[in-house]
N, C-alpha and C. Protein backbone atom coordinates (compact mmCIF):
# COMPACT_ATOMS: atom_id res chain seq x y z
N MET A 1 0.85 -1.17 0.00
CA MET A 1 0.00 0.00 0.00
C MET A 1 0.89 1.24 0.00
N GLU A 2 0.59 2.14 -0.90
CA GLU A 2 1.32 3.41 -1.00
C GLU A 2 0.58 4.46 -0.18
N THR A 3 1.33 5.41 0.34
CA THR A 3 0.76 6.53 1.07
C THR A 3 1.27 7.82 0.45
N ALA A 4 0.40 8.78 0.28
CA ALA A 4 0.79 10.08 -0.26
C ALA A 4 0.06 11.17 0.52
N THR A 5 0.73 12.28 0.71
CA THR A 5 0.15 13.41 1.42
C THR A 5 0.08 14.59 0.48
N VAL A 6 -1.03 15.30 0.51
CA VAL A 6 -1.18 16.51 -0.31
C VAL A 6 -1.70 17.64 0.57
N ARG A 7 -1.45 18.85 0.13
CA ARG A 7 -1.94 20.02 0.85
C ARG A 7 -3.07 20.64 0.04
N ILE A 8 -4.11 21.07 0.72
CA ILE A 8 -5.24 21.72 0.07
C ILE A 8 -4.90 23.20 -0.10
N GLY A 9 -5.04 23.69 -1.34
CA GLY A 9 -4.75 25.09 -1.64
C GLY A 9 -5.89 26.00 -1.20
N PRO A 10 -5.70 27.31 -1.34
CA PRO A 10 -6.72 28.27 -0.90
C PRO A 10 -8.05 28.14 -1.66
N LYS A 11 -8.02 27.56 -2.86
CA LYS A 11 -9.25 27.35 -3.62
C LYS A 11 -9.73 25.90 -3.48
N TYR A 12 -9.27 25.21 -2.44
CA TYR A 12 -9.63 23.82 -2.15
C TYR A 12 -9.18 22.87 -3.27
N GLN A 13 -8.12 23.21 -3.96
CA GLN A 13 -7.58 22.35 -5.01
C GLN A 13 -6.41 21.55 -4.45
N ILE A 14 -6.22 20.36 -5.03
CA ILE A 14 -5.08 19.53 -4.67
C ILE A 14 -4.37 19.09 -5.95
N VAL A 15 -3.11 18.73 -5.80
CA VAL A 15 -2.36 18.12 -6.89
C VAL A 15 -2.34 16.63 -6.61
N ILE A 16 -2.77 15.85 -7.59
CA ILE A 16 -2.80 14.39 -7.40
C ILE A 16 -1.37 13.87 -7.50
N PRO A 17 -0.90 13.19 -6.47
CA PRO A 17 0.48 12.71 -6.46
C PRO A 17 0.76 11.74 -7.62
N ARG A 18 2.00 11.72 -8.05
CA ARG A 18 2.41 10.89 -9.18
C ARG A 18 2.05 9.43 -8.98
N VAL A 19 2.27 8.90 -7.77
CA VAL A 19 1.98 7.48 -7.53
C VAL A 19 0.50 7.18 -7.76
N VAL A 20 -0.36 8.11 -7.41
CA VAL A 20 -1.81 7.93 -7.62
C VAL A 20 -2.14 8.04 -9.11
N ARG A 21 -1.58 9.05 -9.77
CA ARG A 21 -1.83 9.22 -11.21
C ARG A 21 -1.39 7.99 -11.99
N GLU A 22 -0.24 7.45 -11.64
CA GLU A 22 0.26 6.28 -12.36
C GLU A 22 -0.55 5.03 -12.04
N THR A 23 -0.92 4.86 -10.78
CA THR A 23 -1.70 3.69 -10.38
C THR A 23 -3.07 3.68 -11.06
N LEU A 24 -3.72 4.83 -11.11
CA LEU A 24 -5.04 4.93 -11.73
C LEU A 24 -4.97 5.21 -13.22
N GLN A 25 -3.76 5.35 -13.74
CA GLN A 25 -3.54 5.66 -15.16
C GLN A 25 -4.33 6.89 -15.57
N LEU A 26 -4.19 7.95 -14.79
CA LEU A 26 -4.93 9.19 -15.04
C LEU A 26 -4.26 10.00 -16.13
N ARG A 27 -5.07 10.68 -16.92
CA ARG A 27 -4.62 11.57 -17.99
C ARG A 27 -5.37 12.90 -17.84
N PRO A 28 -4.82 13.98 -18.39
CA PRO A 28 -5.55 15.25 -18.32
C PRO A 28 -6.96 15.10 -18.91
N ASP A 29 -7.89 15.78 -18.32
CA ASP A 29 -9.31 15.78 -18.70
C ASP A 29 -10.06 14.52 -18.31
N ASP A 30 -9.43 13.57 -17.61
CA ASP A 30 -10.16 12.42 -17.07
C ASP A 30 -11.12 12.92 -15.99
N THR A 31 -12.17 12.15 -15.75
CA THR A 31 -13.13 12.46 -14.70
C THR A 31 -12.97 11.44 -13.60
N LEU A 32 -12.99 11.92 -12.35
CA LEU A 32 -12.82 11.05 -11.20
C LEU A 32 -14.10 10.95 -10.39
N LEU A 33 -14.26 9.84 -9.69
CA LEU A 33 -15.37 9.65 -8.75
C LEU A 33 -14.80 9.69 -7.34
N PHE A 34 -15.47 10.39 -6.46
CA PHE A 34 -15.15 10.36 -5.04
C PHE A 34 -16.27 9.58 -4.37
N LEU A 35 -15.97 8.41 -3.85
CA LEU A 35 -16.95 7.57 -3.17
C LEU A 35 -16.80 7.82 -1.68
N VAL A 36 -17.81 8.42 -1.07
CA VAL A 36 -17.74 8.82 0.33
C VAL A 36 -18.54 7.85 1.18
N SER A 37 -17.88 7.30 2.20
CA SER A 37 -18.53 6.37 3.13
C SER A 37 -18.08 6.74 4.54
N GLY A 38 -18.96 7.40 5.27
CA GLY A 38 -18.59 7.84 6.61
C GLY A 38 -17.48 8.87 6.52
N ASP A 39 -16.36 8.59 7.21
CA ASP A 39 -15.24 9.53 7.16
C ASP A 39 -14.12 9.05 6.22
N SER A 40 -14.47 8.13 5.30
CA SER A 40 -13.50 7.63 4.33
C SER A 40 -13.92 8.01 2.92
N VAL A 41 -12.94 8.26 2.08
CA VAL A 41 -13.19 8.60 0.68
C VAL A 41 -12.33 7.70 -0.20
N THR A 42 -12.94 7.12 -1.23
CA THR A 42 -12.22 6.31 -2.21
C THR A 42 -12.25 7.07 -3.53
N LEU A 43 -11.09 7.18 -4.15
CA LEU A 43 -10.96 7.89 -5.41
C LEU A 43 -10.81 6.87 -6.53
N ARG A 44 -11.67 6.98 -7.57
CA ARG A 44 -11.64 6.03 -8.69
C ARG A 44 -11.79 6.77 -10.00
N ASN A 45 -11.30 6.14 -11.06
CA ASN A 45 -11.60 6.64 -12.40
C ASN A 45 -13.09 6.53 -12.64
N ARG A 46 -13.66 7.49 -13.33
CA ARG A 46 -15.07 7.39 -13.71
C ARG A 46 -15.13 6.47 -14.93
N PRO A 47 -15.89 5.39 -14.83
CA PRO A 47 -15.95 4.49 -15.98
C PRO A 47 -16.69 5.14 -17.15
N ALA A 48 -16.31 4.77 -18.35
CA ALA A 48 -16.97 5.29 -19.54
C ALA A 48 -18.41 4.79 -19.60
N ASN A 49 -18.64 3.58 -19.08
CA ASN A 49 -19.96 2.98 -19.13
C ASN A 49 -20.22 2.32 -17.77
N PHE A 50 -21.12 2.88 -16.99
CA PHE A 50 -21.38 2.35 -15.65
C PHE A 50 -21.96 0.94 -15.69
N THR A 51 -22.76 0.64 -16.69
CA THR A 51 -23.35 -0.70 -16.79
C THR A 51 -22.26 -1.75 -16.95
N GLU A 52 -21.32 -1.48 -17.85
CA GLU A 52 -20.21 -2.42 -18.06
C GLU A 52 -19.34 -2.52 -16.82
N ALA A 53 -19.12 -1.40 -16.14
CA ALA A 53 -18.26 -1.39 -14.96
C ALA A 53 -18.87 -2.20 -13.82
N MET A 54 -20.21 -2.27 -13.76
CA MET A 54 -20.88 -2.98 -12.67
C MET A 54 -21.22 -4.43 -13.01
N ARG A 55 -21.01 -4.82 -14.26
CA ARG A 55 -21.32 -6.19 -14.67
C ARG A 55 -20.53 -7.18 -13.82
N GLY A 56 -21.23 -8.14 -13.25
CA GLY A 56 -20.59 -9.18 -12.45
C GLY A 56 -20.33 -8.77 -11.01
N LEU A 57 -20.72 -7.56 -10.63
CA LEU A 57 -20.49 -7.09 -9.27
C LEU A 57 -21.22 -7.98 -8.27
N HIS A 58 -20.55 -8.46 -7.28
CA HIS A 58 -21.08 -9.33 -6.22
C HIS A 58 -21.66 -10.64 -6.77
N LYS A 59 -21.10 -11.12 -7.84
CA LYS A 59 -21.61 -12.36 -8.41
C LYS A 59 -21.43 -13.55 -7.47
N GLU A 60 -20.54 -13.43 -6.50
CA GLU A 60 -20.31 -14.54 -5.57
C GLU A 60 -21.50 -14.81 -4.65
N ILE A 61 -22.43 -13.85 -4.52
CA ILE A 61 -23.58 -14.08 -3.64
C ILE A 61 -24.76 -14.71 -4.37
N TRP A 62 -24.72 -14.74 -5.71
CA TRP A 62 -25.81 -15.30 -6.48
C TRP A 62 -25.56 -16.77 -6.77
N PRO A 63 -26.63 -17.57 -6.85
CA PRO A 63 -26.47 -18.99 -7.15
C PRO A 63 -25.96 -19.19 -8.58
N PRO A 64 -25.35 -20.35 -8.87
CA PRO A 64 -24.82 -20.59 -10.21
C PRO A 64 -25.89 -20.51 -11.30
N ASP A 65 -27.12 -20.96 -11.00
CA ASP A 65 -28.20 -20.92 -11.98
C ASP A 65 -29.36 -20.12 -11.40
N PRO A 66 -29.39 -18.80 -11.61
CA PRO A 66 -30.44 -17.97 -11.00
C PRO A 66 -31.85 -18.37 -11.41
N ALA A 67 -32.05 -18.82 -12.65
CA ALA A 67 -33.39 -19.20 -13.11
C ALA A 67 -33.91 -20.39 -12.31
N ASP A 68 -33.06 -21.37 -12.06
CA ASP A 68 -33.44 -22.55 -11.27
C ASP A 68 -33.75 -22.13 -9.84
N TRP A 69 -32.93 -21.28 -9.28
CA TRP A 69 -33.13 -20.80 -7.91
C TRP A 69 -34.46 -20.06 -7.82
N LEU A 70 -34.75 -19.20 -8.79
CA LEU A 70 -35.99 -18.43 -8.78
C LEU A 70 -37.21 -19.34 -8.88
N GLU A 71 -37.13 -20.35 -9.69
CA GLU A 71 -38.24 -21.29 -9.83
C GLU A 71 -38.50 -22.02 -8.51
N LYS A 72 -37.45 -22.45 -7.83
CA LYS A 72 -37.61 -23.13 -6.53
C LYS A 72 -38.21 -22.18 -5.50
N GLU A 73 -37.78 -20.92 -5.51
CA GLU A 73 -38.33 -19.94 -4.56
C GLU A 73 -39.82 -19.73 -4.82
N ARG A 74 -40.20 -19.60 -6.08
CA ARG A 74 -41.62 -19.40 -6.40
C ARG A 74 -42.44 -20.62 -6.03
N ALA A 75 -41.89 -21.82 -6.22
CA ALA A 75 -42.60 -23.05 -5.85
C ALA A 75 -42.80 -23.10 -4.34
N ALA A 76 -41.88 -22.55 -3.56
CA ALA A 76 -41.98 -22.56 -2.12
C ALA A 76 -43.12 -21.67 -1.62
N TRP A 77 -43.55 -20.71 -2.41
CA TRP A 77 -44.63 -19.81 -2.02
C TRP A 77 -45.99 -20.48 -2.06
N GLU A 78 -46.09 -21.54 -2.83
CA GLU A 78 -47.41 -22.18 -3.02
C GLU A 78 -47.75 -23.10 -1.88
């Protein structure tokens, strides 16, 4: 894990440290997302397509065959 410190300027601007720019492969005019959770902030590249970026997210919690699982759940309601 890398650590970097930056100072906030009078206009609340910061310079993104080189290690962060290289890790995120940032280029001028890129758009960033700030994900805020409590007192923590995660900085990420803004994906070009949110649908593609979220595809497969949390797939480990879904059963291997969702259609079969859904059919069994509906049968249990009867």
